[in-house]
Amino acid sequence: MNLNQNFFQDLIKQGKLKEISEIRLAVVKKMLDEGKDANKISCRISQFNEQLIQCVCSYFANSNSWLSACTFLEFGSGARGEQVLNSDQDNGLLLADNLRIDVHELDEITQRIVMTLDGTGIYLCPGKVMLSEAKWRGTWQEWREKIIFWLENPKERGSWQSGLILDFKPLWGKKNKAQELRREVLDTVKKHPVIFRMLVEEILQYRVPLSFWGALF
């Protein structure tokens, strides 16, 4: 089921965010009734959330034209298409190089975006890996510098997984610069065997949920 952008933007405008969450749940229940396996359901939830994010970003871009020059970055399970019903947000914003905007307006709009997503069932990230945080916004060069710094300095990354900053993709907005950034980061990893080894060791320590039901609900 593809989301009707106008329909969902109308729900957002009316503040009927819980209805969107209920639609997602109905989609999952229908798939369970049809006997679909966990992988297919996870993939469908990821598709639903991806389309929803695009609807939310387009909604806010209608009244904030500068947003269209930026790129919504999705990290982690959302970028890999492995989300479940209780997945939270892991996102960032790639700013246009020539963007001129008051920081208070930037804070306000990005905060409204993450709160809208939270209301629709894509919950706030406990670790604050969200575009409402200044740390998770920046121009191409700023993103390049901080990601490479995090890769080269494991203690500076925080408690989140290294895979979070490698598994990212652009979901909405100008995508070319984000794809270029991803290539740049991966090239850096390939050129530094020590970084690659540290990433492998950290990712191997990550515990994947053993239960479909424990992961999904």
N, C-alpha and C. Protein backbone atom coordinates (compact mmCIF):
# COMPACT_ATOMS: atom_id res chain seq x y z
N MET A 1 0.84 -1.19 0.00
CA MET A 1 0.00 0.00 0.00
C MET A 1 0.87 1.24 0.00
N ASN A 2 0.77 2.05 -1.01
CA ASN A 2 1.49 3.32 -1.05
C ASN A 2 0.67 4.39 -0.35
N LEU A 3 1.35 5.21 0.41
CA LEU A 3 0.65 6.26 1.13
C LEU A 3 0.22 7.37 0.19
N ASN A 4 -1.01 7.82 0.38
CA ASN A 4 -1.49 8.97 -0.36
C ASN A 4 -0.97 10.21 0.36
N GLN A 5 -0.05 10.93 -0.31
CA GLN A 5 0.61 12.05 0.35
C GLN A 5 -0.37 13.12 0.80
N ASN A 6 -1.32 13.46 -0.04
CA ASN A 6 -2.30 14.49 0.33
C ASN A 6 -3.15 14.06 1.52
N PHE A 7 -3.54 12.79 1.54
CA PHE A 7 -4.35 12.27 2.63
C PHE A 7 -3.61 12.38 3.96
N PHE A 8 -2.34 11.95 3.96
CA PHE A 8 -1.58 11.98 5.20
C PHE A 8 -1.19 13.39 5.60
N GLN A 9 -0.95 14.26 4.62
CA GLN A 9 -0.66 15.64 4.97
C GLN A 9 -1.89 16.32 5.57
N ASP A 10 -3.08 15.93 5.12
CA ASP A 10 -4.31 16.46 5.71
C ASP A 10 -4.45 16.01 7.16
N LEU A 11 -4.11 14.74 7.42
CA LEU A 11 -4.17 14.24 8.80
C LEU A 11 -3.17 14.99 9.68
N ILE A 12 -1.98 15.25 9.13
CA ILE A 12 -0.96 15.98 9.88
C ILE A 12 -1.46 17.40 10.18
N LYS A 13 -2.02 18.04 9.18
CA LYS A 13 -2.53 19.40 9.35
C LYS A 13 -3.61 19.47 10.42
N GLN A 14 -4.44 18.42 10.48
CA GLN A 14 -5.53 18.38 11.45
C GLN A 14 -5.08 17.87 12.82
N GLY A 15 -3.81 17.48 12.92
CA GLY A 15 -3.29 16.97 14.18
C GLY A 15 -3.74 15.56 14.50
N LYS A 16 -4.21 14.82 13.49
CA LYS A 16 -4.70 13.46 13.72
C LYS A 16 -3.57 12.46 13.50
N LEU A 17 -2.52 12.61 14.30
CA LEU A 17 -1.33 11.78 14.13
C LEU A 17 -1.55 10.34 14.59
N LYS A 18 -2.37 10.17 15.63
CA LYS A 18 -2.62 8.82 16.13
C LYS A 18 -3.29 7.95 15.08
N GLU A 19 -4.08 8.56 14.22
CA GLU A 19 -4.75 7.80 13.16
C GLU A 19 -3.72 7.17 12.22
N ILE A 20 -2.63 7.89 11.96
CA ILE A 20 -1.58 7.35 11.09
C ILE A 20 -0.93 6.14 11.76
N SER A 21 -0.69 6.24 13.06
CA SER A 21 -0.12 5.12 13.80
C SER A 21 -1.04 3.91 13.76
N GLU A 22 -2.34 4.17 13.85
CA GLU A 22 -3.33 3.08 13.81
C GLU A 22 -3.37 2.42 12.43
N ILE A 23 -3.17 3.20 11.38
CA ILE A 23 -3.13 2.64 10.03
C ILE A 23 -1.94 1.70 9.89
N ARG A 24 -0.79 2.12 10.41
CA ARG A 24 0.40 1.25 10.37
C ARG A 24 0.12 -0.06 11.09
N LEU A 25 -0.48 0.03 12.26
CA LEU A 25 -0.78 -1.17 13.04
C LEU A 25 -1.76 -2.07 12.28
N ALA A 26 -2.73 -1.48 11.61
CA ALA A 26 -3.70 -2.27 10.84
C ALA A 26 -3.02 -3.01 9.70
N VAL A 27 -2.04 -2.36 9.07
CA VAL A 27 -1.29 -3.00 7.99
C VAL A 27 -0.55 -4.23 8.52
N VAL A 28 0.06 -4.09 9.70
CA VAL A 28 0.81 -5.21 10.30
C VAL A 28 -0.13 -6.34 10.68
N LYS A 29 -1.25 -6.00 11.30
CA LYS A 29 -2.21 -7.04 11.70
C LYS A 29 -2.73 -7.82 10.49
N LYS A 30 -2.98 -7.11 9.41
CA LYS A 30 -3.46 -7.76 8.18
C LYS A 30 -2.41 -8.74 7.66
N MET A 31 -1.14 -8.33 7.69
CA MET A 31 -0.08 -9.21 7.21
C MET A 31 0.08 -10.43 8.11
N LEU A 32 -0.09 -10.24 9.42
CA LEU A 32 -0.03 -11.37 10.34
C LEU A 32 -1.17 -12.35 10.07
N ASP A 33 -2.35 -11.82 9.82
CA ASP A 33 -3.50 -12.67 9.52
C ASP A 33 -3.27 -13.46 8.23
N GLU A 34 -2.52 -12.86 7.32
CA GLU A 34 -2.23 -13.53 6.04
C GLU A 34 -1.06 -14.49 6.16
N GLY A 35 -0.44 -14.56 7.35
CA GLY A 35 0.65 -15.49 7.56
C GLY A 35 2.00 -15.03 7.03
N LYS A 36 2.15 -13.74 6.83
CA LYS A 36 3.43 -13.22 6.33
C LYS A 36 4.51 -13.39 7.38
N ASP A 37 5.75 -13.63 6.94
CA ASP A 37 6.83 -13.84 7.91
C ASP A 37 7.39 -12.51 8.42
N ALA A 38 8.25 -12.63 9.43
CA ALA A 38 8.77 -11.44 10.12
C ALA A 38 9.55 -10.53 9.20
N ASN A 39 10.32 -11.11 8.28
CA ASN A 39 11.13 -10.29 7.38
C ASN A 39 10.25 -9.42 6.48
N LYS A 40 9.19 -10.00 5.96
CA LYS A 40 8.30 -9.25 5.07
C LYS A 40 7.57 -8.15 5.84
N ILE A 41 7.19 -8.45 7.07
CA ILE A 41 6.50 -7.45 7.88
C ILE A 41 7.44 -6.30 8.23
N SER A 42 8.67 -6.65 8.60
CA SER A 42 9.66 -5.62 8.92
C SER A 42 9.93 -4.73 7.71
N CYS A 43 10.04 -5.35 6.56
CA CYS A 43 10.26 -4.59 5.32
C CYS A 43 9.09 -3.66 5.05
N ARG A 44 7.86 -4.14 5.29
CA ARG A 44 6.68 -3.31 5.03
C ARG A 44 6.60 -2.14 6.00
N ILE A 45 6.93 -2.39 7.27
CA ILE A 45 6.95 -1.30 8.25
C ILE A 45 7.97 -0.25 7.83
N SER A 46 9.12 -0.70 7.35
CA SER A 46 10.17 0.23 6.92
C SER A 46 9.69 1.07 5.74
N GLN A 47 9.00 0.43 4.79
CA GLN A 47 8.48 1.15 3.64
C GLN A 47 7.43 2.18 4.07
N PHE A 48 6.56 1.76 4.98
CA PHE A 48 5.52 2.65 5.50
C PHE A 48 6.17 3.88 6.14
N ASN A 49 7.15 3.65 7.01
CA ASN A 49 7.81 4.74 7.72
C ASN A 49 8.57 5.65 6.76
N GLU A 50 9.18 5.05 5.76
CA GLU A 50 9.93 5.85 4.79
C GLU A 50 8.99 6.78 4.02
N GLN A 51 7.87 6.24 3.57
CA GLN A 51 6.90 7.05 2.85
C GLN A 51 6.29 8.12 3.75
N LEU A 52 6.09 7.76 5.01
CA LEU A 52 5.53 8.71 5.97
C LEU A 52 6.50 9.87 6.22
N ILE A 53 7.77 9.56 6.36
CA ILE A 53 8.79 10.59 6.55
C ILE A 53 8.79 11.56 5.37
N GLN A 54 8.67 11.02 4.18
CA GLN A 54 8.63 11.86 2.99
C GLN A 54 7.41 12.77 3.01
N CYS A 55 6.27 12.24 3.47
CA CYS A 55 5.05 13.06 3.57
C CYS A 55 5.23 14.18 4.59
N VAL A 56 5.83 13.85 5.73
CA VAL A 56 6.02 14.84 6.79
C VAL A 56 6.97 15.94 6.32
N CYS A 57 8.07 15.56 5.69
CA CYS A 57 9.03 16.55 5.20
C CYS A 57 8.40 17.45 4.14
N SER A 58 7.63 16.86 3.25
CA SER A 58 6.97 17.66 2.20
C SER A 58 5.97 18.62 2.82
N TYR A 59 5.29 18.16 3.85
CA TYR A 59 4.31 19.02 4.53
C TYR A 59 4.99 20.26 5.10
N PHE A 60 6.10 20.09 5.78
CA PHE A 60 6.79 21.23 6.39
C PHE A 60 7.50 22.08 5.34
N ALA A 61 7.91 21.47 4.23
CA ALA A 61 8.56 22.23 3.16
C ALA A 61 7.57 23.16 2.46
N ASN A 62 6.28 22.83 2.53
CA ASN A 62 5.27 23.69 1.90
C ASN A 62 5.30 25.10 2.46
N SER A 63 5.58 25.22 3.74
CA SER A 63 5.60 26.54 4.38
C SER A 63 7.00 26.98 4.79
N ASN A 64 7.99 26.13 4.49
CA ASN A 64 9.39 26.46 4.79
C ASN A 64 10.23 26.03 3.59
N SER A 65 10.25 26.85 2.57
CA SER A 65 10.84 26.47 1.28
C SER A 65 12.32 26.11 1.38
N TRP A 66 13.03 26.67 2.35
CA TRP A 66 14.46 26.38 2.50
C TRP A 66 14.71 24.89 2.77
N LEU A 67 13.70 24.21 3.33
CA LEU A 67 13.86 22.80 3.68
C LEU A 67 14.06 21.93 2.44
N SER A 68 13.50 22.36 1.31
CA SER A 68 13.61 21.59 0.06
C SER A 68 15.04 21.54 -0.46
N ALA A 69 15.89 22.46 0.00
CA ALA A 69 17.29 22.47 -0.42
C ALA A 69 18.15 21.57 0.46
N CYS A 70 17.52 20.98 1.49
CA CYS A 70 18.24 20.11 2.43
C CYS A 70 17.92 18.65 2.15
N THR A 71 18.54 17.76 2.91
CA THR A 71 18.32 16.33 2.72
C THR A 71 18.08 15.66 4.06
N PHE A 72 16.99 14.89 4.13
CA PHE A 72 16.68 14.10 5.33
C PHE A 72 17.50 12.81 5.26
N LEU A 73 18.36 12.58 6.25
CA LEU A 73 19.19 11.39 6.30
C LEU A 73 18.60 10.39 7.30
N GLU A 74 18.48 9.17 6.87
CA GLU A 74 18.01 8.11 7.74
C GLU A 74 19.17 7.19 8.08
N PHE A 75 19.32 6.86 9.38
CA PHE A 75 20.41 6.00 9.83
C PHE A 75 19.88 4.65 10.32
N GLY A 76 20.79 3.74 10.53
CA GLY A 76 20.48 2.49 11.22
C GLY A 76 19.44 1.61 10.56
N SER A 77 18.52 1.07 11.38
CA SER A 77 17.55 0.09 10.90
C SER A 77 16.63 0.67 9.82
N GLY A 78 16.33 1.95 9.91
CA GLY A 78 15.48 2.58 8.90
C GLY A 78 16.16 2.59 7.54
N ALA A 79 17.44 2.87 7.53
CA ALA A 79 18.19 2.88 6.28
C ALA A 79 18.36 1.48 5.72
N ARG A 80 18.42 0.49 6.61
CA ARG A 80 18.60 -0.90 6.18
C ARG A 80 17.28 -1.58 5.85
N GLY A 81 16.15 -0.94 6.14
CA GLY A 81 14.85 -1.56 5.89
C GLY A 81 14.54 -2.67 6.86
N GLU A 82 14.93 -2.47 8.16
CA GLU A 82 14.76 -3.51 9.18
C GLU A 82 13.96 -3.01 10.38
N GLN A 83 13.00 -2.14 10.15
CA GLN A 83 12.28 -1.57 11.28
C GLN A 83 11.15 -2.46 11.79
N VAL A 84 10.80 -2.24 13.07
CA VAL A 84 9.69 -2.95 13.70
C VAL A 84 8.73 -1.90 14.27
N LEU A 85 7.65 -2.34 14.88
CA LEU A 85 6.62 -1.40 15.32
C LEU A 85 7.12 -0.41 16.37
N ASN A 86 8.07 -0.82 17.19
CA ASN A 86 8.54 0.08 18.23
C ASN A 86 9.88 0.75 17.88
N SER A 87 10.24 0.76 16.61
CA SER A 87 11.48 1.42 16.19
C SER A 87 11.40 2.91 16.48
N ASP A 88 12.53 3.47 16.93
CA ASP A 88 12.55 4.90 17.18
C ASP A 88 13.31 5.61 16.06
N GLN A 89 13.42 6.90 16.19
CA GLN A 89 14.04 7.71 15.15
C GLN A 89 15.57 7.67 15.24
N ASP A 90 16.20 7.59 14.08
CA ASP A 90 17.65 7.78 13.93
C ASP A 90 17.82 8.57 12.65
N ASN A 91 17.92 9.87 12.75
CA ASN A 91 17.96 10.68 11.54
C ASN A 91 18.83 11.92 11.69
N GLY A 92 19.07 12.58 10.58
CA GLY A 92 19.86 13.80 10.57
C GLY A 92 19.46 14.66 9.38
N LEU A 93 20.05 15.84 9.29
CA LEU A 93 19.71 16.75 8.20
C LEU A 93 20.99 17.26 7.55
N LEU A 94 21.09 17.03 6.24
CA LEU A 94 22.20 17.57 5.45
C LEU A 94 21.76 18.92 4.92
N LEU A 95 22.42 19.98 5.39
CA LEU A 95 22.04 21.34 5.03
C LEU A 95 22.67 21.77 3.72
N ALA A 96 21.98 22.58 2.98
CA ALA A 96 22.53 23.14 1.74
C ALA A 96 23.71 24.04 2.10
N ASP A 97 24.75 24.03 1.25
CA ASP A 97 25.96 24.80 1.53
C ASP A 97 25.68 26.29 1.64
N ASN A 98 24.76 26.77 0.86
CA ASN A 98 24.48 28.21 0.82
C ASN A 98 23.26 28.61 1.64
N LEU A 99 22.83 27.72 2.54
CA LEU A 99 21.62 27.98 3.31
C LEU A 99 21.85 29.13 4.30
N ARG A 100 20.94 30.08 4.27
CA ARG A 100 20.98 31.20 5.21
C ARG A 100 19.67 31.19 6.00
N ILE A 101 19.74 30.73 7.23
CA ILE A 101 18.53 30.62 8.03
C ILE A 101 18.87 30.86 9.49
N ASP A 102 17.98 31.53 10.19
CA ASP A 102 18.17 31.79 11.62
C ASP A 102 18.16 30.46 12.38
N VAL A 103 19.11 30.31 13.29
CA VAL A 103 19.24 29.04 14.01
C VAL A 103 17.99 28.73 14.83
N HIS A 104 17.29 29.74 15.31
CA HIS A 104 16.08 29.50 16.09
C HIS A 104 14.97 28.92 15.21
N GLU A 105 14.89 29.38 13.96
CA GLU A 105 13.91 28.82 13.03
C GLU A 105 14.28 27.39 12.69
N LEU A 106 15.56 27.15 12.49
CA LEU A 106 16.04 25.79 12.18
C LEU A 106 15.70 24.85 13.33
N ASP A 107 15.95 25.30 14.56
CA ASP A 107 15.63 24.48 15.74
C ASP A 107 14.13 24.20 15.82
N GLU A 108 13.33 25.23 15.56
CA GLU A 108 11.88 25.09 15.68
C GLU A 108 11.31 24.11 14.67
N ILE A 109 11.71 24.25 13.41
CA ILE A 109 11.14 23.39 12.36
C ILE A 109 11.60 21.95 12.52
N THR A 110 12.86 21.74 12.83
CA THR A 110 13.35 20.37 13.00
C THR A 110 12.71 19.72 14.23
N GLN A 111 12.48 20.51 15.26
CA GLN A 111 11.80 19.98 16.45
C GLN A 111 10.37 19.58 16.10
N ARG A 112 9.69 20.39 15.31
CA ARG A 112 8.32 20.07 14.90
C ARG A 112 8.28 18.81 14.05
N ILE A 113 9.30 18.61 13.22
CA ILE A 113 9.36 17.41 12.38
C ILE A 113 9.48 16.16 13.24
N VAL A 114 10.42 16.15 14.18
CA VAL A 114 10.62 14.94 14.99
C VAL A 114 9.44 14.69 15.92
N MET A 115 8.79 15.75 16.41
CA MET A 115 7.63 15.56 17.26
C MET A 115 6.44 15.04 16.46
N THR A 116 6.32 15.47 15.22
CA THR A 116 5.26 14.95 14.34
C THR A 116 5.48 13.47 14.07
N LEU A 117 6.71 13.09 13.77
CA LEU A 117 7.01 11.68 13.54
C LEU A 117 6.74 10.85 14.79
N ASP A 118 7.09 11.40 15.94
CA ASP A 118 6.83 10.71 17.21
C ASP A 118 5.32 10.46 17.37
N GLY A 119 4.52 11.47 17.05
CA GLY A 119 3.08 11.33 17.17
C GLY A 119 2.49 10.30 16.25
N THR A 120 3.17 10.03 15.13
CA THR A 120 2.67 9.04 14.17
C THR A 120 3.20 7.63 14.45
N GLY A 121 4.00 7.49 15.53
CA GLY A 121 4.49 6.16 15.89
C GLY A 121 5.92 5.87 15.54
N ILE A 122 6.65 6.86 15.03
CA ILE A 122 8.11 6.71 14.86
C ILE A 122 8.70 7.51 16.02
N TYR A 123 9.04 6.80 17.08
CA TYR A 123 9.26 7.42 18.37
C TYR A 123 10.58 8.20 18.48
N LEU A 124 10.60 9.10 19.46
CA LEU A 124 11.80 9.88 19.72
C LEU A 124 12.94 8.95 20.13
N CYS A 125 14.14 9.27 19.68
CA CYS A 125 15.30 8.45 19.98
C CYS A 125 15.82 8.77 21.39
N PRO A 126 15.93 7.78 22.28
CA PRO A 126 16.44 8.01 23.63
C PRO A 126 17.85 8.60 23.62
N GLY A 127 18.64 8.23 22.60
CA GLY A 127 20.00 8.74 22.48
C GLY A 127 20.09 10.07 21.75
N LYS A 128 18.92 10.63 21.38
CA LYS A 128 18.83 11.94 20.72
C LYS A 128 19.56 11.99 19.37
N VAL A 129 19.54 10.87 18.66
CA VAL A 129 20.08 10.86 17.30
C VAL A 129 18.96 11.32 16.37
N MET A 130 18.74 12.64 16.34
CA MET A 130 17.63 13.20 15.58
C MET A 130 18.03 14.57 15.03
N LEU A 131 17.42 14.94 13.94
CA LEU A 131 17.79 16.20 13.29
C LEU A 131 17.41 17.44 14.10
N SER A 132 16.66 17.25 15.17
CA SER A 132 16.35 18.37 16.06
C SER A 132 17.56 18.76 16.91
N GLU A 133 18.56 17.89 16.95
CA GLU A 133 19.79 18.15 17.68
C GLU A 133 20.85 18.73 16.74
N ALA A 134 21.49 19.82 17.16
CA ALA A 134 22.49 20.48 16.31
C ALA A 134 23.59 19.52 15.87
N LYS A 135 23.91 18.54 16.70
CA LYS A 135 24.96 17.56 16.40
C LYS A 135 24.64 16.76 15.15
N TRP A 136 23.35 16.63 14.86
CA TRP A 136 22.91 15.79 13.75
C TRP A 136 22.42 16.61 12.56
N ARG A 137 22.98 17.81 12.45
CA ARG A 137 22.74 18.68 11.29
C ARG A 137 24.08 19.23 10.83
N GLY A 138 24.18 19.53 9.54
CA GLY A 138 25.41 20.14 9.05
C GLY A 138 25.48 20.14 7.54
N THR A 139 26.40 20.92 7.00
CA THR A 139 26.66 20.93 5.56
C THR A 139 27.44 19.68 5.18
N TRP A 140 27.66 19.49 3.89
CA TRP A 140 28.39 18.31 3.41
C TRP A 140 29.76 18.22 4.08
N GLN A 141 30.49 19.32 4.08
CA GLN A 141 31.83 19.32 4.65
C GLN A 141 31.79 19.07 6.16
N GLU A 142 30.82 19.66 6.82
CA GLU A 142 30.71 19.46 8.27
C GLU A 142 30.39 18.00 8.59
N TRP A 143 29.49 17.38 7.80
CA TRP A 143 29.18 15.97 8.01
C TRP A 143 30.40 15.10 7.73
N ARG A 144 31.10 15.40 6.67
CA ARG A 144 32.29 14.61 6.33
C ARG A 144 33.30 14.65 7.48
N GLU A 145 33.56 15.83 7.98
CA GLU A 145 34.56 15.99 9.04
C GLU A 145 34.15 15.26 10.33
N LYS A 146 32.87 15.38 10.73
CA LYS A 146 32.49 14.76 11.99
C LYS A 146 32.37 13.25 11.89
N ILE A 147 31.89 12.74 10.75
CA ILE A 147 31.79 11.28 10.63
C ILE A 147 33.17 10.65 10.62
N ILE A 148 34.08 11.23 9.88
CA ILE A 148 35.45 10.69 9.84
C ILE A 148 36.10 10.82 11.22
N PHE A 149 35.83 11.92 11.92
CA PHE A 149 36.37 12.08 13.28
C PHE A 149 35.83 10.99 14.19
N TRP A 150 34.52 10.70 14.10
CA TRP A 150 33.93 9.65 14.93
C TRP A 150 34.54 8.29 14.60
N LEU A 151 34.78 8.04 13.32
CA LEU A 151 35.35 6.75 12.92
C LEU A 151 36.77 6.59 13.45
N GLU A 152 37.53 7.67 13.43
CA GLU A 152 38.93 7.61 13.86
C GLU A 152 39.10 7.72 15.37
N ASN A 153 38.02 8.13 16.07
CA ASN A 153 38.09 8.30 17.52
C ASN A 153 36.89 7.62 18.17
N PRO A 154 36.98 6.29 18.37
CA PRO A 154 35.84 5.51 18.86
C PRO A 154 35.23 6.04 20.16
N LYS A 155 36.05 6.60 21.05
CA LYS A 155 35.55 7.07 22.33
C LYS A 155 34.66 8.30 22.18
N GLU A 156 34.75 8.95 21.03
CA GLU A 156 33.96 10.15 20.79
C GLU A 156 32.60 9.86 20.17
N ARG A 157 32.35 8.59 19.85
CA ARG A 157 31.12 8.25 19.14
C ARG A 157 29.92 8.17 20.07
N GLY A 158 30.15 7.94 21.34
CA GLY A 158 29.02 7.76 22.23
C GLY A 158 28.61 6.30 22.29
N SER A 159 27.43 6.05 22.82
CA SER A 159 26.99 4.67 23.07
C SER A 159 26.35 4.00 21.86
N TRP A 160 26.08 4.76 20.79
CA TRP A 160 25.40 4.18 19.64
C TRP A 160 26.38 3.41 18.75
N GLN A 161 25.86 2.55 17.95
CA GLN A 161 26.68 1.66 17.14
C GLN A 161 27.34 2.37 15.96
N SER A 162 28.52 1.86 15.59
CA SER A 162 29.21 2.42 14.43
C SER A 162 28.40 2.26 13.16
N GLY A 163 27.64 1.17 13.09
CA GLY A 163 26.83 0.94 11.91
C GLY A 163 25.84 2.06 11.65
N LEU A 164 25.50 2.79 12.70
CA LEU A 164 24.54 3.88 12.56
C LEU A 164 25.03 4.93 11.59
N ILE A 165 26.32 5.26 11.63
CA ILE A 165 26.84 6.31 10.78
C ILE A 165 27.32 5.78 9.43
N LEU A 166 27.32 4.47 9.27
CA LEU A 166 27.67 3.90 7.97
C LEU A 166 26.43 3.54 7.18
N ASP A 167 25.41 3.06 7.88
CA ASP A 167 24.16 2.69 7.21
C ASP A 167 23.23 3.90 7.15
N PHE A 168 23.54 4.82 6.29
CA PHE A 168 22.63 5.96 6.14
C PHE A 168 22.28 6.15 4.68
N LYS A 169 21.10 6.70 4.47
CA LYS A 169 20.68 6.98 3.10
C LYS A 169 19.76 8.19 3.09
N PRO A 170 19.70 8.89 1.98
CA PRO A 170 18.81 10.04 1.88
C PRO A 170 17.38 9.58 1.59
N LEU A 171 16.44 10.04 2.41
CA LEU A 171 15.04 9.66 2.20
C LEU A 171 14.23 10.74 1.51
N TRP A 172 14.68 11.98 1.66
CA TRP A 172 13.89 13.09 1.11
C TRP A 172 14.81 14.27 0.85
N GLY A 173 14.52 15.04 -0.20
CA GLY A 173 15.31 16.23 -0.50
C GLY A 173 16.37 15.98 -1.54
N LYS A 174 17.41 16.78 -1.53
CA LYS A 174 18.52 16.66 -2.48
C LYS A 174 19.36 15.45 -2.12
N LYS A 175 19.36 14.44 -2.98
CA LYS A 175 19.99 13.17 -2.63
C LYS A 175 21.43 13.01 -3.13
N ASN A 176 21.81 13.75 -4.15
CA ASN A 176 23.14 13.56 -4.74
C ASN A 176 24.27 13.79 -3.75
N LYS A 177 24.16 14.87 -2.97
CA LYS A 177 25.23 15.20 -2.03
C LYS A 177 25.34 14.15 -0.93
N ALA A 178 24.21 13.60 -0.51
CA ALA A 178 24.21 12.56 0.52
C ALA A 178 24.87 11.29 0.01
N GLN A 179 24.57 10.92 -1.24
CA GLN A 179 25.18 9.74 -1.84
C GLN A 179 26.69 9.94 -2.00
N GLU A 180 27.07 11.15 -2.33
CA GLU A 180 28.50 11.48 -2.45
C GLU A 180 29.18 11.38 -1.08
N LEU A 181 28.48 11.82 -0.04
CA LEU A 181 29.01 11.75 1.32
C LEU A 181 29.21 10.30 1.74
N ARG A 182 28.24 9.47 1.42
CA ARG A 182 28.35 8.05 1.78
C ARG A 182 29.55 7.41 1.10
N ARG A 183 29.76 7.71 -0.18
CA ARG A 183 30.92 7.17 -0.89
C ARG A 183 32.22 7.63 -0.24
N GLU A 184 32.26 8.88 0.15
CA GLU A 184 33.45 9.45 0.78
C GLU A 184 33.78 8.73 2.09
N VAL A 185 32.74 8.48 2.90
CA VAL A 185 32.93 7.80 4.18
C VAL A 185 33.41 6.37 3.98
N LEU A 186 32.78 5.65 3.05
CA LEU A 186 33.16 4.26 2.79
C LEU A 186 34.57 4.17 2.23
N ASP A 187 34.96 5.11 1.40
CA ASP A 187 36.33 5.14 0.88
C ASP A 187 37.33 5.33 2.02
N THR A 188 36.98 6.16 2.99
CA THR A 188 37.86 6.38 4.13
C THR A 188 38.04 5.10 4.93
N VAL A 189 36.95 4.37 5.14
CA VAL A 189 37.02 3.10 5.88
C VAL A 189 37.91 2.10 5.14
N LYS A 190 37.75 2.02 3.83
CA LYS A 190 38.54 1.07 3.03
C LYS A 190 40.03 1.38 3.09
N LYS A 191 40.36 2.65 3.19
CA LYS A 191 41.77 3.06 3.18
C LYS A 191 42.45 2.91 4.54
N HIS A 192 41.67 2.64 5.58
CA HIS A 192 42.23 2.54 6.93
C HIS A 192 41.82 1.21 7.56
N PRO A 193 42.65 0.17 7.42
CA PRO A 193 42.33 -1.16 7.96
C PRO A 193 42.03 -1.15 9.45
N VAL A 194 42.68 -0.25 10.19
CA VAL A 194 42.47 -0.20 11.64
C VAL A 194 41.02 0.21 11.94
N ILE A 195 40.52 1.20 11.20
CA ILE A 195 39.13 1.64 11.39
C ILE A 195 38.18 0.51 11.04
N PHE A 196 38.47 -0.19 9.93
CA PHE A 196 37.62 -1.30 9.50
C PHE A 196 37.58 -2.39 10.58
N ARG A 197 38.73 -2.71 11.16
CA ARG A 197 38.79 -3.75 12.20
C ARG A 197 37.98 -3.34 13.43
N MET A 198 38.10 -2.08 13.85
CA MET A 198 37.35 -1.59 15.01
C MET A 198 35.85 -1.65 14.75
N LEU A 199 35.44 -1.32 13.52
CA LEU A 199 34.03 -1.36 13.18
C LEU A 199 33.48 -2.78 13.25
N VAL A 200 34.25 -3.73 12.71
CA VAL A 200 33.83 -5.13 12.72
C VAL A 200 33.68 -5.62 14.16
N GLU A 201 34.66 -5.29 15.01
CA GLU A 201 34.61 -5.72 16.41
C GLU A 201 33.40 -5.15 17.13
N GLU A 202 33.10 -3.89 16.86
CA GLU A 202 31.96 -3.26 17.53
C GLU A 202 30.64 -3.81 17.04
N ILE A 203 30.52 -4.00 15.72
CA ILE A 203 29.28 -4.51 15.16
C ILE A 203 29.00 -5.94 15.63
N LEU A 204 30.07 -6.75 15.80
CA LEU A 204 29.90 -8.12 16.27
C LEU A 204 29.38 -8.19 17.70
N GLN A 205 29.58 -7.12 18.45
CA GLN A 205 29.11 -7.08 19.83
C GLN A 205 27.63 -6.71 19.91
N TYR A 206 27.07 -6.27 18.79
CA TYR A 206 25.67 -5.85 18.78
C TYR A 206 24.76 -7.06 18.86
N ARG A 207 23.82 -7.02 19.79
CA ARG A 207 22.91 -8.15 19.99
C ARG A 207 21.60 -7.94 19.22
N VAL A 208 21.37 -8.80 18.26
CA VAL A 208 20.13 -8.74 17.48
C VAL A 208 19.01 -9.42 18.27
N PRO A 209 17.80 -8.85 18.30
CA PRO A 209 16.68 -9.49 19.01
C PRO A 209 16.46 -10.92 18.52
N LEU A 210 16.29 -11.84 19.45
CA LEU A 210 16.14 -13.25 19.08
C LEU A 210 14.71 -13.60 18.72
N SER A 211 13.78 -12.83 19.23
CA SER A 211 12.37 -13.16 19.04
C SER A 211 11.66 -12.21 18.11
N PHE A 212 10.90 -12.75 17.18
CA PHE A 212 10.11 -11.91 16.28
C PHE A 212 9.13 -11.07 17.09
N TRP A 213 8.46 -11.71 18.04
CA TRP A 213 7.45 -10.98 18.82
C TRP A 213 8.12 -9.95 19.72
N GLY A 214 9.29 -10.29 20.28
CA GLY A 214 9.99 -9.35 21.13
C GLY A 214 10.47 -8.14 20.35
N ALA A 215 10.78 -8.36 19.09
CA ALA A 215 11.26 -7.26 18.26
C ALA A 215 10.11 -6.44 17.70
N LEU A 216 9.01 -7.11 17.36
CA LEU A 216 7.93 -6.42 16.66
C LEU A 216 7.05 -5.62 17.60
N PHE A 217 6.80 -6.11 18.79
CA PHE A 217 5.86 -5.43 19.69
C PHE A 217 6.57 -4.96 20.96
